[in-house]
Protein backbone atom coordinates (compact mmCIF):
# COMPACT_ATOMS: atom_id res chain seq x y z
CA MET A 1 0.52 -0.40 0.13
CA LYS A 2 1.49 3.48 -1.13
CA PHE A 3 1.55 6.36 1.50
CA ARG A 4 2.04 9.94 0.33
CA ILE A 5 3.02 12.73 3.48
CA VAL A 6 0.70 15.77 2.26
CA ASP A 7 0.42 18.83 5.31
CA GLY A 8 2.35 16.23 7.71
CA HIS A 9 -0.26 13.36 7.45
CA LYS A 10 0.05 10.25 5.81
CA VAL A 11 -2.18 9.62 2.60
CA ASN A 12 -3.49 6.54 0.89
CA GLN A 13 -2.16 7.13 -2.78
CA THR A 14 -4.79 4.47 -4.22
CA LEU A 15 -7.40 6.06 -2.85
CA ILE A 16 -6.64 10.05 -4.09
CA ILE A 17 -6.11 7.87 -7.59
CA ASP A 18 -9.37 5.98 -6.54
CA ILE A 19 -11.23 9.03 -6.19
CA PHE A 20 -9.51 11.37 -8.96
CA VAL A 21 -11.03 8.55 -11.70
CA CYS A 22 -14.59 8.19 -10.46
CA PHE A 23 -14.58 12.12 -10.01
CA ARG A 24 -13.37 12.18 -14.17
CA ALA A 25 -15.93 9.83 -14.76
CA LEU A 26 -18.75 11.99 -13.05
CA CYS A 27 -18.01 15.13 -13.94
CA CYS A 28 -15.73 14.78 -17.23
CA LYS A 29 -18.35 12.53 -18.89
CA GLY A 30 -18.48 14.09 -22.56
CA PRO A 31 -22.47 14.64 -24.27
CA PRO A 32 -24.32 11.25 -25.47
CA PRO A 33 -23.99 10.82 -28.94
CA ALA A 34 -26.26 13.08 -31.07
CA ARG A 35 -29.77 11.59 -32.48
CA PRO A 36 -30.31 11.30 -35.72
CA GLU A 37 -33.13 13.69 -37.24
CA TYR A 38 -35.45 12.60 -40.51
CA ASP A 39 -37.89 14.80 -42.20
CA LEU A 40 -40.91 13.60 -42.64
CA VAL A 41 -44.42 14.17 -44.49
CA CYS A 42 -47.25 14.03 -42.58
CA ILE A 43 -50.94 13.57 -45.05
CA GLY A 44 -54.57 12.66 -44.84
CA LEU A 45 -57.90 14.00 -45.46
CA THR A 46 -58.99 16.80 -43.01
CA GLY A 47 -60.86 14.20 -40.26
CA SER A 48 -58.10 11.47 -40.50
CA GLY A 49 -57.13 12.72 -37.15
CA LYS A 50 -53.31 13.47 -38.21
CA THR A 51 -52.63 16.27 -35.60
CA SER A 52 -53.91 14.96 -32.91
CA LEU A 53 -52.06 11.58 -33.02
CA LEU A 54 -48.68 13.85 -33.21
CA SER A 55 -49.91 16.44 -30.79
CA LYS A 56 -50.39 13.61 -28.13
CA LEU A 57 -47.09 12.17 -29.49
CA CYS A 58 -45.75 15.75 -28.54
CA SER A 59 -47.06 15.39 -24.92
CA GLU A 60 -49.42 18.06 -25.78
CA SER A 61 -52.96 18.71 -24.20
CA PRO A 62 -55.43 17.27 -26.93
CA GLU A 63 -58.13 19.85 -25.88
CA ASN A 64 -55.93 22.75 -27.58
CA VAL A 65 -55.92 20.46 -30.96
CA VAL A 66 -57.06 22.48 -33.66
CA SER A 67 -56.85 20.99 -37.36
CA THR A 68 -54.01 22.15 -39.87
CA THR A 69 -55.22 24.60 -42.37
CA GLY A 70 -52.07 24.97 -44.19
CA PHE A 71 -49.17 23.15 -42.66
CA SER A 72 -47.61 22.72 -39.48
CA ILE A 73 -44.02 21.66 -38.15
CA LYS A 74 -42.99 19.22 -35.03
CA ALA A 75 -40.05 18.09 -33.66
CA VAL A 76 -41.20 14.17 -32.60
CA PRO A 77 -38.86 12.73 -29.92
CA PHE A 78 -38.18 9.04 -29.32
CA GLN A 79 -35.32 7.42 -28.05
CA ASN A 80 -33.11 6.82 -30.82
CA ALA A 81 -34.24 9.30 -33.46
CA ILE A 82 -36.00 12.62 -34.35
CA LEU A 83 -38.41 12.99 -36.73
CA ASN A 84 -39.26 16.47 -38.21
CA VAL A 85 -42.76 16.40 -39.21
CA LYS A 86 -44.45 18.52 -41.71
CA GLU A 87 -48.08 17.82 -41.37
CA LEU A 88 -49.98 19.12 -44.50
CA GLY A 89 -53.88 20.22 -44.30
CA GLY A 90 -56.19 17.24 -45.69
CA ALA A 91 -58.65 20.13 -47.14
CA ASP A 92 -60.17 20.08 -50.38
CA ASN A 93 -58.29 23.16 -51.28
CA ILE A 94 -55.31 22.26 -50.19
CA ARG A 95 -54.60 18.68 -51.16
CA LYS A 96 -54.29 19.63 -54.66
CA TYR A 97 -50.52 21.40 -53.88
CA TRP A 98 -49.20 18.88 -51.29
CA SER A 99 -46.84 18.03 -53.93
CA ARG A 100 -45.53 21.03 -53.48
CA TYR A 101 -43.87 20.36 -50.03
CA TYR A 102 -42.71 16.66 -50.79
CA GLN A 103 -39.45 18.16 -52.04
CA GLY A 104 -36.78 16.56 -48.56
CA SER A 105 -38.48 14.39 -46.75
CA GLN A 106 -37.11 11.29 -46.30
CA GLY A 107 -39.89 9.05 -45.72
CA VAL A 108 -44.16 9.47 -45.01
CA ILE A 109 -47.49 9.17 -42.95
CA PHE A 110 -50.53 8.67 -44.06
CA VAL A 111 -53.02 8.91 -42.43
CA LEU A 112 -56.44 7.54 -42.48
CA ASP A 113 -59.97 7.17 -41.14
CA SER A 114 -61.18 3.63 -40.81
CA ALA A 115 -63.88 4.54 -39.50
CA SER A 116 -64.79 7.15 -42.24
CA SER A 117 -67.97 7.30 -44.84
CA GLU A 118 -67.33 5.17 -48.08
CA ASP A 119 -66.96 8.15 -50.14
CA ASP A 120 -64.46 9.76 -47.65
CA LEU A 121 -62.35 6.31 -47.91
CA GLU A 122 -62.10 6.63 -51.51
CA THR A 123 -61.18 9.56 -51.79
CA ALA A 124 -57.91 8.57 -49.36
CA ARG A 125 -57.33 5.63 -51.62
CA ASN A 126 -57.20 7.71 -54.54
CA GLU A 127 -54.95 10.34 -52.53
CA LEU A 128 -52.69 7.64 -51.38
CA HIS A 129 -52.20 6.33 -54.54
CA SER A 130 -51.05 9.14 -55.94
CA ALA A 131 -48.38 9.30 -52.90
CA LEU A 132 -47.25 6.34 -53.31
CA GLN A 133 -46.55 6.88 -56.99
CA HIS A 134 -45.43 10.26 -57.13
CA PRO A 135 -41.79 10.55 -58.04
CA GLN A 136 -40.79 12.56 -54.96
CA LEU A 137 -42.05 9.53 -52.93
CA CYS A 138 -41.95 6.06 -54.65
CA THR A 139 -39.08 5.24 -53.03
CA LEU A 140 -39.57 6.66 -49.41
CA PRO A 141 -40.57 4.44 -46.54
CA PHE A 142 -43.92 4.55 -45.68
CA LEU A 143 -46.11 4.45 -42.81
CA ILE A 144 -49.82 3.75 -43.03
CA LEU A 145 -51.94 4.67 -39.97
CA ALA A 146 -55.44 3.73 -39.95
CA ASN A 147 -56.33 5.61 -37.55
CA HIS A 148 -60.16 5.68 -34.93
CA GLN A 149 -59.90 1.96 -34.46
CA ASP A 150 -61.77 2.99 -30.98
CA LYS A 151 -64.60 3.69 -32.96
CA PRO A 152 -67.96 0.88 -33.49
CA ALA A 153 -67.50 1.59 -37.58
CA ALA A 154 -63.69 1.25 -37.81
CA ARG A 155 -62.33 -0.74 -40.51
CA SER A 156 -59.93 -3.88 -39.91
CA VAL A 157 -56.83 -3.73 -40.69
CA GLN A 158 -57.17 -6.38 -43.23
CA GLU A 159 -60.31 -4.83 -44.71
CA VAL A 160 -58.03 -1.56 -44.60
CA LYS A 161 -55.45 -3.46 -47.43
CA LYS A 162 -57.72 -5.28 -49.39
CA TYR A 163 -60.24 -1.98 -50.20
CA PHE A 164 -56.38 -0.17 -50.76
CA GLU A 165 -54.98 -2.33 -52.67
CA LEU A 166 -52.19 -2.00 -51.12
CA GLU A 167 -50.34 -5.81 -51.52
CA PRO A 168 -50.55 -5.17 -55.49
CA LEU A 169 -49.89 -1.36 -55.47
CA ALA A 170 -47.47 -0.81 -53.53
CA ARG A 171 -45.12 -3.96 -54.15
CA GLY A 172 -41.46 -3.96 -53.60
CA LYS A 173 -42.04 -0.49 -51.55
CA ARG A 174 -40.93 -0.04 -48.13
CA TRP A 175 -44.57 0.39 -46.40
CA ILE A 176 -45.65 -0.83 -42.69
CA LEU A 177 -49.63 -0.69 -42.31
CA GLN A 178 -50.89 -0.06 -38.59
CA PRO A 179 -53.75 0.23 -36.62
CA CYS A 180 -53.82 3.08 -34.63
CA SER A 181 -56.01 5.56 -31.90
CA LEU A 182 -55.45 7.72 -29.47
CA ASP A 183 -56.08 5.24 -26.56
CA ASP A 184 -53.31 3.40 -27.15
CA MET A 185 -49.93 5.21 -27.25
CA GLU A 186 -48.21 2.06 -26.58
CA ALA A 187 -49.39 0.54 -30.51
CA LEU A 188 -48.71 4.42 -32.06
CA LYS A 189 -45.02 4.39 -30.92
CA ASP A 190 -44.75 1.29 -32.24
CA SER A 191 -45.79 1.76 -35.13
CA PHE A 192 -43.19 4.77 -35.01
CA SER A 193 -39.90 2.45 -33.72
CA GLN A 194 -40.82 0.30 -37.26
CA LEU A 195 -40.80 3.65 -39.35
CA ILE A 196 -37.83 4.48 -37.90
CA ASN A 197 -36.11 1.53 -38.74
CA LEU A 198 -36.96 1.47 -42.29
CA LEU A 199 -35.41 4.91 -42.07
CA GLU A 200 -32.19 3.67 -40.97
CA GLU A 201 -31.96 0.79 -43.11
CA LYS A 202 -31.90 3.40 -46.03
CA ASP A 203 -29.66 5.39 -44.69
CA HIS A 204 -27.37 2.24 -44.11
CA GLU A 205 -28.24 1.25 -47.96
CA ALA A 206 -26.81 4.85 -49.11
CA VAL A 207 -23.72 4.74 -47.41
CA ARG A 208 -22.60 1.27 -48.88
CA MET A 209 -23.51 2.85 -52.14
């Protein structure tokens, strides 16, 4: 055991070193690595629940939610990534301008009201088909959320998949179709985790190229 004399007192040198090491570990630890950020576009008809879902993910009060009339941007934090989501209003007079906001997107969130009328469901189907085939989106990962599953009239995921003809239309693309509602945040977060996995896969492919 090694000792040194400090102000006339014998001090354990090993103990001093141990304290110094602990101090450095606690106080000199560098910042954690930055989480990757991805820019996404979120589309869907008015009333599909886009704003409410994003607000809930940001821990905002649902009581203050107002439907988006133009567009809004939210930074949605997750443990392994930050999603910068550009939400576009879904009214008739806004949807024709959606494509102006697609540039720079790395992924797409499409929200549909699974309990909507047949007419609205048909409109949502046409808009999704258009997005899946758009030159700026067709190679991007898609998260398709069948929202309002808590309502009695909600269609199941299998019904939505068949009605929207996703298997033939989206074959070869990266897409996820998930049920969701504001009442089940764990399932919603899991859906976004799957989307983040697809975004990371696309990143790794870009690096290999």
